[in-house]
Amino acid sequence: MIFEVQVEVSLRQGVADPQGATIEHSLPTLGFPGVRGVRVGKSIRFSIEAADEAAARTEVDDLCHRFLSNPVIEDSSVIITAASGAGR
């Protein structure tokens, strides 16, 4: 089966986010004075082939911990859905 995967990676709470701070400090001069708490992360989307959703999740979790994120300073959340037409 083919599964569509969306991984959201963000810095853990308490880890400094210099990109987020730069954006937040720039926003008032651009006319957005009320924006607070800006955090920058990354979104990664891909397809994966696996026997079932549990196998896909196991592989994606391993991929996140070994390559897509730094588990010391980042958290990741994963959404897995069966691809349209999967199993045909």
PDB file of N, CA and C in Angstrom:
ATOM      1  N   MET A   1       0.835  -1.185   0.000  1.00  0.00           N
ATOM      2  CA  MET A   1       0.000   0.000   0.000  1.00  0.00           C
ATOM      3  C   MET A   1       0.878   1.246   0.000  1.00  0.00           C
ATOM      4  N   ILE A   2       0.334   2.288  -0.573  1.00  0.00           N
ATOM      5  CA  ILE A   2       1.019   3.580  -0.580  1.00  0.00           C
ATOM      6  C   ILE A   2       0.328   4.501   0.420  1.00  0.00           C
ATOM      7  N   PHE A   3       1.118   5.189   1.217  1.00  0.00           N
ATOM      8  CA  PHE A   3       0.598   6.134   2.208  1.00  0.00           C
ATOM      9  C   PHE A   3       1.205   7.508   1.965  1.00  0.00           C
ATOM     10  N   GLU A   4       0.380   8.532   2.175  1.00  0.00           N
ATOM     11  CA  GLU A   4       0.854   9.911   2.129  1.00  0.00           C
ATOM     12  C   GLU A   4       1.241  10.299   3.551  1.00  0.00           C
ATOM     13  N   VAL A   5       2.389  10.937   3.687  1.00  0.00           N
ATOM     14  CA  VAL A   5       2.916  11.274   5.013  1.00  0.00           C
ATOM     15  C   VAL A   5       3.178  12.771   5.091  1.00  0.00           C
ATOM     16  N   GLN A   6       2.792  13.352   6.207  1.00  0.00           N
ATOM     17  CA  GLN A   6       3.114  14.746   6.499  1.00  0.00           C
ATOM     18  C   GLN A   6       3.788  14.780   7.868  1.00  0.00           C
ATOM     19  N   VAL A   7       5.018  15.277   7.891  1.00  0.00           N
ATOM     20  CA  VAL A   7       5.778  15.384   9.131  1.00  0.00           C
ATOM     21  C   VAL A   7       5.966  16.866   9.444  1.00  0.00           C
ATOM     22  N   GLU A   8       5.588  17.277  10.634  1.00  0.00           N
ATOM     23  CA  GLU A   8       5.810  18.642  11.106  1.00  0.00           C
ATOM     24  C   GLU A   8       6.888  18.587  12.181  1.00  0.00           C
ATOM     25  N   VAL A   9       7.967  19.329  11.968  1.00  0.00           N
ATOM     26  CA  VAL A   9       9.081  19.353  12.913  1.00  0.00           C
ATOM     27  C   VAL A   9       9.149  20.750  13.517  1.00  0.00           C
ATOM     28  N   SER A  10       9.219  20.819  14.837  1.00  0.00           N
ATOM     29  CA  SER A  10       9.320  22.110  15.521  1.00  0.00           C
ATOM     30  C   SER A  10      10.313  22.003  16.669  1.00  0.00           C
ATOM     31  N   LEU A  11      10.878  23.148  17.013  1.00  0.00           N
ATOM     32  CA  LEU A  11      11.795  23.185  18.147  1.00  0.00           C
ATOM     33  C   LEU A  11      11.027  22.889  19.431  1.00  0.00           C
ATOM     34  N   ARG A  12      11.647  22.186  20.342  1.00  0.00           N
ATOM     35  CA  ARG A  12      11.021  21.905  21.623  1.00  0.00           C
ATOM     36  C   ARG A  12      10.827  23.196  22.407  1.00  0.00           C
ATOM     37  N   GLN A  13       9.835  23.183  23.261  1.00  0.00           N
ATOM     38  CA  GLN A  13       9.577  24.329  24.127  1.00  0.00           C
ATOM     39  C   GLN A  13      10.826  24.613  24.946  1.00  0.00           C
ATOM     40  N   GLY A  14      11.208  25.862  25.041  1.00  0.00           N
ATOM     41  CA  GLY A  14      12.382  26.247  25.803  1.00  0.00           C
ATOM     42  C   GLY A  14      13.658  26.341  24.987  1.00  0.00           C
ATOM     43  N   VAL A  15      13.634  25.833  23.744  1.00  0.00           N
ATOM     44  CA  VAL A  15      14.802  25.938  22.868  1.00  0.00           C
ATOM     45  C   VAL A  15      14.710  27.267  22.117  1.00  0.00           C
ATOM     46  N   ALA A  16      15.793  28.027  22.127  1.00  0.00           N
ATOM     47  CA  ALA A  16      15.808  29.327  21.448  1.00  0.00           C
ATOM     48  C   ALA A  16      15.501  29.153  19.961  1.00  0.00           C
ATOM     49  N   ASP A  17      14.710  30.077  19.423  1.00  0.00           N
ATOM     50  CA  ASP A  17      14.328  30.056  18.019  1.00  0.00           C
ATOM     51  C   ASP A  17      14.718  31.390  17.383  1.00  0.00           C
ATOM     52  N   PRO A  18      15.985  31.543  16.959  1.00  0.00           N
ATOM     53  CA  PRO A  18      16.423  32.830  16.415  1.00  0.00           C
ATOM     54  C   PRO A  18      15.672  33.250  15.156  1.00  0.00           C
ATOM     55  N   GLN A  19      15.273  32.285  14.311  1.00  0.00           N
ATOM     56  CA  GLN A  19      14.499  32.646  13.119  1.00  0.00           C
ATOM     57  C   GLN A  19      13.144  33.209  13.519  1.00  0.00           C
ATOM     58  N   GLY A  20      12.487  32.552  14.453  1.00  0.00           N
ATOM     59  CA  GLY A  20      11.198  33.033  14.932  1.00  0.00           C
ATOM     60  C   GLY A  20      11.316  34.410  15.561  1.00  0.00           C
ATOM     61  N   ALA A  21      12.373  34.623  16.344  1.00  0.00           N
ATOM     62  CA  ALA A  21      12.582  35.924  16.987  1.00  0.00           C
ATOM     63  C   ALA A  21      12.817  37.019  15.951  1.00  0.00           C
ATOM     64  N   THR A  22      13.579  36.719  14.907  1.00  0.00           N
ATOM     65  CA  THR A  22      13.834  37.705  13.852  1.00  0.00           C
ATOM     66  C   THR A  22      12.534  38.082  13.156  1.00  0.00           C
ATOM     67  N   ILE A  23      11.731  37.090  12.832  1.00  0.00           N
ATOM     68  CA  ILE A  23      10.449  37.371  12.190  1.00  0.00           C
ATOM     69  C   ILE A  23       9.564  38.200  13.107  1.00  0.00           C
ATOM     70  N   GLU A  24       9.470  37.790  14.360  1.00  0.00           N
ATOM     71  CA  GLU A  24       8.609  38.499  15.314  1.00  0.00           C
ATOM     72  C   GLU A  24       9.031  39.955  15.494  1.00  0.00           C
ATOM     73  N   HIS A  25      10.339  40.206  15.553  1.00  0.00           N
ATOM     74  CA  HIS A  25      10.811  41.582  15.720  1.00  0.00           C
ATOM     75  C   HIS A  25      10.599  42.431  14.475  1.00  0.00           C
ATOM     76  N   SER A  26      10.508  41.800  13.306  1.00  0.00           N
ATOM     77  CA  SER A  26      10.314  42.532  12.053  1.00  0.00           C
ATOM     78  C   SER A  26       8.852  42.871  11.786  1.00  0.00           C
ATOM     79  N   LEU A  27       7.938  42.113  12.324  1.00  0.00           N
ATOM     80  CA  LEU A  27       6.527  42.268  11.990  1.00  0.00           C
ATOM     81  C   LEU A  27       5.931  43.635  12.324  1.00  0.00           C
ATOM     82  N   PRO A  28       6.244  44.261  13.470  1.00  0.00           N
ATOM     83  CA  PRO A  28       5.658  45.575  13.743  1.00  0.00           C
ATOM     84  C   PRO A  28       5.993  46.623  12.676  1.00  0.00           C
ATOM     85  N   THR A  29       7.209  46.586  12.150  1.00  0.00           N
ATOM     86  CA  THR A  29       7.572  47.564  11.122  1.00  0.00           C
ATOM     87  C   THR A  29       6.859  47.281   9.799  1.00  0.00           C
ATOM     88  N   LEU A  30       6.330  46.079   9.645  1.00  0.00           N
ATOM     89  CA  LEU A  30       5.579  45.725   8.439  1.00  0.00           C
ATOM     90  C   LEU A  30       4.071  45.899   8.633  1.00  0.00           C
ATOM     91  N   GLY A  31       3.681  46.425   9.797  1.00  0.00           N
ATOM     92  CA  GLY A  31       2.267  46.685  10.047  1.00  0.00           C
ATOM     93  C   GLY A  31       1.531  45.576  10.771  1.00  0.00           C
ATOM     94  N   PHE A  32       2.259  44.682  11.424  1.00  0.00           N
ATOM     95  CA  PHE A  32       1.637  43.580  12.165  1.00  0.00           C
ATOM     96  C   PHE A  32       2.107  43.606  13.621  1.00  0.00           C
ATOM     97  N   PRO A  33       1.687  44.615  14.386  1.00  0.00           N
ATOM     98  CA  PRO A  33       2.211  44.780  15.742  1.00  0.00           C
ATOM     99  C   PRO A  33       1.688  43.770  16.762  1.00  0.00           C
ATOM    100  N   GLY A  34       0.607  43.074  16.482  1.00  0.00           N
ATOM    101  CA  GLY A  34      -0.009  42.205  17.483  1.00  0.00           C
ATOM    102  C   GLY A  34       0.430  40.758  17.438  1.00  0.00           C
ATOM    103  N   VAL A  35       1.391  40.416  16.592  1.00  0.00           N
ATOM    104  CA  VAL A  35       1.802  39.014  16.459  1.00  0.00           C
ATOM    105  C   VAL A  35       2.831  38.685  17.539  1.00  0.00           C
ATOM    106  N   ARG A  36       2.605  37.580  18.257  1.00  0.00           N
ATOM    107  CA  ARG A  36       3.511  37.157  19.332  1.00  0.00           C
ATOM    108  C   ARG A  36       3.774  35.657  19.244  1.00  0.00           C
ATOM    109  N   GLY A  37       4.872  35.240  19.813  1.00  0.00           N
ATOM    110  CA  GLY A  37       5.165  33.812  19.942  1.00  0.00           C
ATOM    111  C   GLY A  37       5.498  33.120  18.635  1.00  0.00           C
ATOM    112  N   VAL A  38       6.183  33.793  17.739  1.00  0.00           N
ATOM    113  CA  VAL A  38       6.515  33.208  16.437  1.00  0.00           C
ATOM    114  C   VAL A  38       7.548  32.094  16.620  1.00  0.00           C
ATOM    115  N   ARG A  39       7.245  30.929  16.084  1.00  0.00           N
ATOM    116  CA  ARG A  39       8.157  29.783  16.095  1.00  0.00           C
ATOM    117  C   ARG A  39       8.263  29.278  14.663  1.00  0.00           C
ATOM    118  N   VAL A  40       9.459  28.935  14.235  1.00  0.00           N
ATOM    119  CA  VAL A  40       9.689  28.441  12.887  1.00  0.00           C
ATOM    120  C   VAL A  40       9.972  26.946  12.948  1.00  0.00           C
ATOM    121  N   GLY A  41       9.373  26.211  12.039  1.00  0.00           N
ATOM    122  CA  GLY A  41       9.584  24.773  11.953  1.00  0.00           C
ATOM    123  C   GLY A  41       9.704  24.382  10.498  1.00  0.00           C
ATOM    124  N   LYS A  42       9.524  23.102  10.253  1.00  0.00           N
ATOM    125  CA  LYS A  42       9.555  22.638   8.873  1.00  0.00           C
ATOM    126  C   LYS A  42       8.472  21.588   8.670  1.00  0.00           C
ATOM    127  N   SER A  43       7.972  21.557   7.448  1.00  0.00           N
ATOM    128  CA  SER A  43       6.954  20.594   7.061  1.00  0.00           C
ATOM    129  C   SER A  43       7.528  19.745   5.932  1.00  0.00           C
ATOM    130  N   ILE A  44       7.446  18.442   6.083  1.00  0.00           N
ATOM    131  CA  ILE A  44       8.008  17.516   5.103  1.00  0.00           C
ATOM    132  C   ILE A  44       6.887  16.583   4.666  1.00  0.00           C
ATOM    133  N   ARG A  45       6.668  16.498   3.364  1.00  0.00           N
ATOM    134  CA  ARG A  45       5.619  15.629   2.818  1.00  0.00           C
ATOM    135  C   ARG A  45       6.237  14.633   1.843  1.00  0.00           C
ATOM    136  N   PHE A  46       5.783  13.388   1.914  1.00  0.00           N
ATOM    137  CA  PHE A  46       6.273  12.366   1.003  1.00  0.00           C
ATOM    138  C   PHE A  46       5.314  11.182   0.996  1.00  0.00           C
ATOM    139  N   SER A  47       5.532  10.267   0.071  1.00  0.00           N
ATOM    140  CA  SER A  47       4.780   9.014  -0.006  1.00  0.00           C
ATOM    141  C   SER A  47       5.692   7.885   0.429  1.00  0.00           C
ATOM    142  N   ILE A  48       5.088   6.853   1.007  1.00  0.00           N
ATOM    143  CA  ILE A  48       5.863   5.698   1.435  1.00  0.00           C
ATOM    144  C   ILE A  48       5.054   4.430   1.148  1.00  0.00           C
ATOM    145  N   GLU A  49       5.746   3.396   0.756  1.00  0.00           N
ATOM    146  CA  GLU A  49       5.099   2.112   0.518  1.00  0.00           C
ATOM    147  C   GLU A  49       5.350   1.218   1.721  1.00  0.00           C
ATOM    148  N   ALA A  50       4.274   0.622   2.227  1.00  0.00           N
ATOM    149  CA  ALA A  50       4.377  -0.268   3.384  1.00  0.00           C
ATOM    150  C   ALA A  50       3.227  -1.261   3.348  1.00  0.00           C
ATOM    151  N   ALA A  51       3.356  -2.331   4.096  1.00  0.00           N
ATOM    152  CA  ALA A  51       2.332  -3.369   4.125  1.00  0.00           C
ATOM    153  C   ALA A  51       1.006  -2.857   4.691  1.00  0.00           C
ATOM    154  N   ASP A  52       1.092  -2.007   5.724  1.00  0.00           N
ATOM    155  CA  ASP A  52      -0.103  -1.446   6.346  1.00  0.00           C
ATOM    156  C   ASP A  52       0.283  -0.153   7.063  1.00  0.00           C
ATOM    157  N   GLU A  53      -0.714   0.504   7.641  1.00  0.00           N
ATOM    158  CA  GLU A  53      -0.449   1.798   8.285  1.00  0.00           C
ATOM    159  C   GLU A  53       0.503   1.667   9.476  1.00  0.00           C
ATOM    160  N   ALA A  54       0.398   0.583  10.237  1.00  0.00           N
ATOM    161  CA  ALA A  54       1.291   0.393  11.386  1.00  0.00           C
ATOM    162  C   ALA A  54       2.745   0.272  10.927  1.00  0.00           C
ATOM    163  N   ALA A  55       2.978  -0.457   9.851  1.00  0.00           N
ATOM    164  CA  ALA A  55       4.340  -0.597   9.322  1.00  0.00           C
ATOM    165  C   ALA A  55       4.846   0.737   8.787  1.00  0.00           C
ATOM    166  N   ALA A  56       3.963   1.490   8.137  1.00  0.00           N
ATOM    167  CA  ALA A  56       4.345   2.812   7.628  1.00  0.00           C
ATOM    168  C   ALA A  56       4.729   3.719   8.794  1.00  0.00           C
ATOM    169  N   ARG A  57       3.926   3.712   9.854  1.00  0.00           N
ATOM    170  CA  ARG A  57       4.204   4.573  11.011  1.00  0.00           C
ATOM    171  C   ARG A  57       5.531   4.203  11.664  1.00  0.00           C
ATOM    172  N   THR A  58       5.809   2.922  11.794  1.00  0.00           N
ATOM    173  CA  THR A  58       7.078   2.481  12.382  1.00  0.00           C
ATOM    174  C   THR A  58       8.253   2.993  11.559  1.00  0.00           C
ATOM    175  N   GLU A  59       8.154   2.863  10.241  1.00  0.00           N
ATOM    176  CA  GLU A  59       9.242   3.318   9.379  1.00  0.00           C
ATOM    177  C   GLU A  59       9.394   4.840   9.410  1.00  0.00           C
ATOM    178  N   VAL A  60       8.272   5.558   9.393  1.00  0.00           N
ATOM    179  CA  VAL A  60       8.325   7.026   9.420  1.00  0.00           C
ATOM    180  C   VAL A  60       8.869   7.508  10.765  1.00  0.00           C
ATOM    181  N   ASP A  61       8.462   6.885  11.859  1.00  0.00           N
ATOM    182  CA  ASP A  61       8.994   7.283  13.168  1.00  0.00           C
ATOM    183  C   ASP A  61      10.505   7.091  13.224  1.00  0.00           C
ATOM    184  N   ASP A  62      10.997   5.988  12.683  1.00  0.00           N
ATOM    185  CA  ASP A  62      12.436   5.748  12.638  1.00  0.00           C
ATOM    186  C   ASP A  62      13.119   6.800  11.763  1.00  0.00           C
ATOM    187  N   LEU A  63      12.524   7.098  10.620  1.00  0.00           N
ATOM    188  CA  LEU A  63      13.063   8.118   9.722  1.00  0.00           C
ATOM    189  C   LEU A  63      13.143   9.481  10.412  1.00  0.00           C
ATOM    190  N   CYS A  64      12.109   9.828  11.159  1.00  0.00           N
ATOM    191  CA  CYS A  64      12.100  11.107  11.886  1.00  0.00           C
ATOM    192  C   CYS A  64      13.234  11.170  12.900  1.00  0.00           C
ATOM    193  N   HIS A  65      13.387  10.108  13.678  1.00  0.00           N
ATOM    194  CA  HIS A  65      14.399  10.113  14.732  1.00  0.00           C
ATOM    195  C   HIS A  65      15.824  10.028  14.199  1.00  0.00           C
ATOM    196  N   ARG A  66      16.003   9.394  13.045  1.00  0.00           N
ATOM    197  CA  ARG A  66      17.357   9.211  12.518  1.00  0.00           C
ATOM    198  C   ARG A  66      17.773  10.266  11.505  1.00  0.00           C
ATOM    199  N   PHE A  67      16.803  10.953  10.867  1.00  0.00           N
ATOM    200  CA  PHE A  67      17.183  11.830   9.761  1.00  0.00           C
ATOM    201  C   PHE A  67      16.422  13.146   9.690  1.00  0.00           C
ATOM    202  N   LEU A  68      15.099  13.129   9.839  1.00  0.00           N
ATOM    203  CA  LEU A  68      14.302  14.325   9.575  1.00  0.00           C
ATOM    204  C   LEU A  68      14.302  15.331  10.717  1.00  0.00           C
ATOM    205  N   SER A  69      14.609  14.896  11.910  1.00  0.00           N
ATOM    206  CA  SER A  69      14.619  15.821  13.046  1.00  0.00           C
ATOM    207  C   SER A  69      15.782  15.496  13.975  1.00  0.00           C
ATOM    208  N   ASN A  70      16.079  16.442  14.827  1.00  0.00           N
ATOM    209  CA  ASN A  70      17.080  16.235  15.867  1.00  0.00           C
ATOM    210  C   ASN A  70      16.303  16.028  17.168  1.00  0.00           C
ATOM    211  N   PRO A  71      16.144  14.791  17.613  1.00  0.00           N
ATOM    212  CA  PRO A  71      15.293  14.525  18.770  1.00  0.00           C
ATOM    213  C   PRO A  71      15.764  15.177  20.074  1.00  0.00           C
ATOM    214  N   VAL A  72      16.969  15.695  20.102  1.00  0.00           N
ATOM    215  CA  VAL A  72      17.450  16.379  21.303  1.00  0.00           C
ATOM    216  C   VAL A  72      16.774  17.742  21.457  1.00  0.00           C
ATOM    217  N   ILE A  73      16.542  18.449  20.334  1.00  0.00           N
ATOM    218  CA  ILE A  73      15.993  19.804  20.408  1.00  0.00           C
ATOM    219  C   ILE A  73      14.690  19.984  19.630  1.00  0.00           C
ATOM    220  N   GLU A  74      14.252  18.949  18.902  1.00  0.00           N
ATOM    221  CA  GLU A  74      13.052  19.090  18.083  1.00  0.00           C
ATOM    222  C   GLU A  74      12.036  17.998  18.390  1.00  0.00           C
ATOM    223  N   ASP A  75      10.771  18.350  18.210  1.00  0.00           N
ATOM    224  CA  ASP A  75       9.674  17.391  18.278  1.00  0.00           C
ATOM    225  C   ASP A  75       9.129  17.220  16.870  1.00  0.00           C
ATOM    226  N   SER A  76       8.567  16.069  16.596  1.00  0.00           N
ATOM    227  CA  SER A  76       7.935  15.864  15.300  1.00  0.00           C
ATOM    228  C   SER A  76       6.565  15.243  15.505  1.00  0.00           C
ATOM    229  N   SER A  77       5.629  15.647  14.645  1.00  0.00           N
ATOM    230  CA  SER A  77       4.319  15.029  14.633  1.00  0.00           C
ATOM    231  C   SER A  77       4.081  14.495  13.222  1.00  0.00           C
ATOM    232  N   VAL A  78       3.380  13.383  13.142  1.00  0.00           N
ATOM    233  CA  VAL A  78       3.224  12.675  11.881  1.00  0.00           C
ATOM    234  C   VAL A  78       1.759  12.433  11.590  1.00  0.00           C
ATOM    235  N   ILE A  79       1.360  12.707  10.360  1.00  0.00           N
ATOM    236  CA  ILE A  79       0.023  12.351   9.878  1.00  0.00           C
ATOM    237  C   ILE A  79       0.211  11.410   8.702  1.00  0.00           C
ATOM    238  N   ILE A  80      -0.419  10.247   8.768  1.00  0.00           N
ATOM    239  CA  ILE A  80      -0.318   9.248   7.698  1.00  0.00           C
ATOM    240  C   ILE A  80      -1.725   8.943   7.204  1.00  0.00           C
ATOM    241  N   THR A  81      -1.913   9.006   5.882  1.00  0.00           N
ATOM    242  CA  THR A  81      -3.194   8.665   5.289  1.00  0.00           C
ATOM    243  C   THR A  81      -2.961   7.758   4.085  1.00  0.00           C
ATOM    244  N   ALA A  82      -3.898   6.873   3.839  1.00  0.00           N
ATOM    245  CA  ALA A  82      -3.811   6.017   2.660  1.00  0.00           C
ATOM    246  C   ALA A  82      -3.925   6.897   1.429  1.00  0.00           C
ATOM    247  N   ALA A  83      -3.062   6.662   0.468  1.00  0.00           N
ATOM    248  CA  ALA A  83      -3.074   7.441  -0.766  1.00  0.00           C
ATOM    249  C   ALA A  83      -4.350   7.138  -1.544  1.00  0.00           C
ATOM    250  N   SER A  84      -4.831   8.117  -2.291  1.00  0.00           N
ATOM    251  CA  SER A  84      -6.002   7.904  -3.144  1.00  0.00           C
ATOM    252  C   SER A  84      -5.715   6.774  -4.108  1.00  0.00           C
ATOM    253  N   GLY A  85      -6.636   5.852  -4.186  1.00  0.00           N
ATOM    254  CA  GLY A  85      -6.435   4.718  -5.091  1.00  0.00           C
ATOM    255  C   GLY A  85      -5.526   3.656  -4.518  1.00  0.00           C
ATOM    256  N   ALA A  86      -5.129   3.778  -3.241  1.00  0.00           N
ATOM    257  CA  ALA A  86      -4.230   2.789  -2.639  1.00  0.00           C
ATOM    258  C   ALA A  86      -4.909   1.431  -2.592  1.00  0.00           C
ATOM    259  N   GLY A  87      -4.138   0.412  -2.861  1.00  0.00           N
ATOM    260  CA  GLY A  87      -4.641  -0.933  -2.804  1.00  0.00           C
ATOM    261  C   GLY A  87      -5.283  -1.399  -4.090  1.00  0.00           C
ATOM    262  N   ARG A  88      -5.272  -0.574  -5.116  1.00  0.00           N
ATOM    263  CA  ARG A  88      -5.869  -0.973  -6.391  1.00  0.00           C
ATOM    264  C   ARG A  88      -4.892  -1.749  -7.211  1.00  0.00           C
TER     265      ARG A  88
END
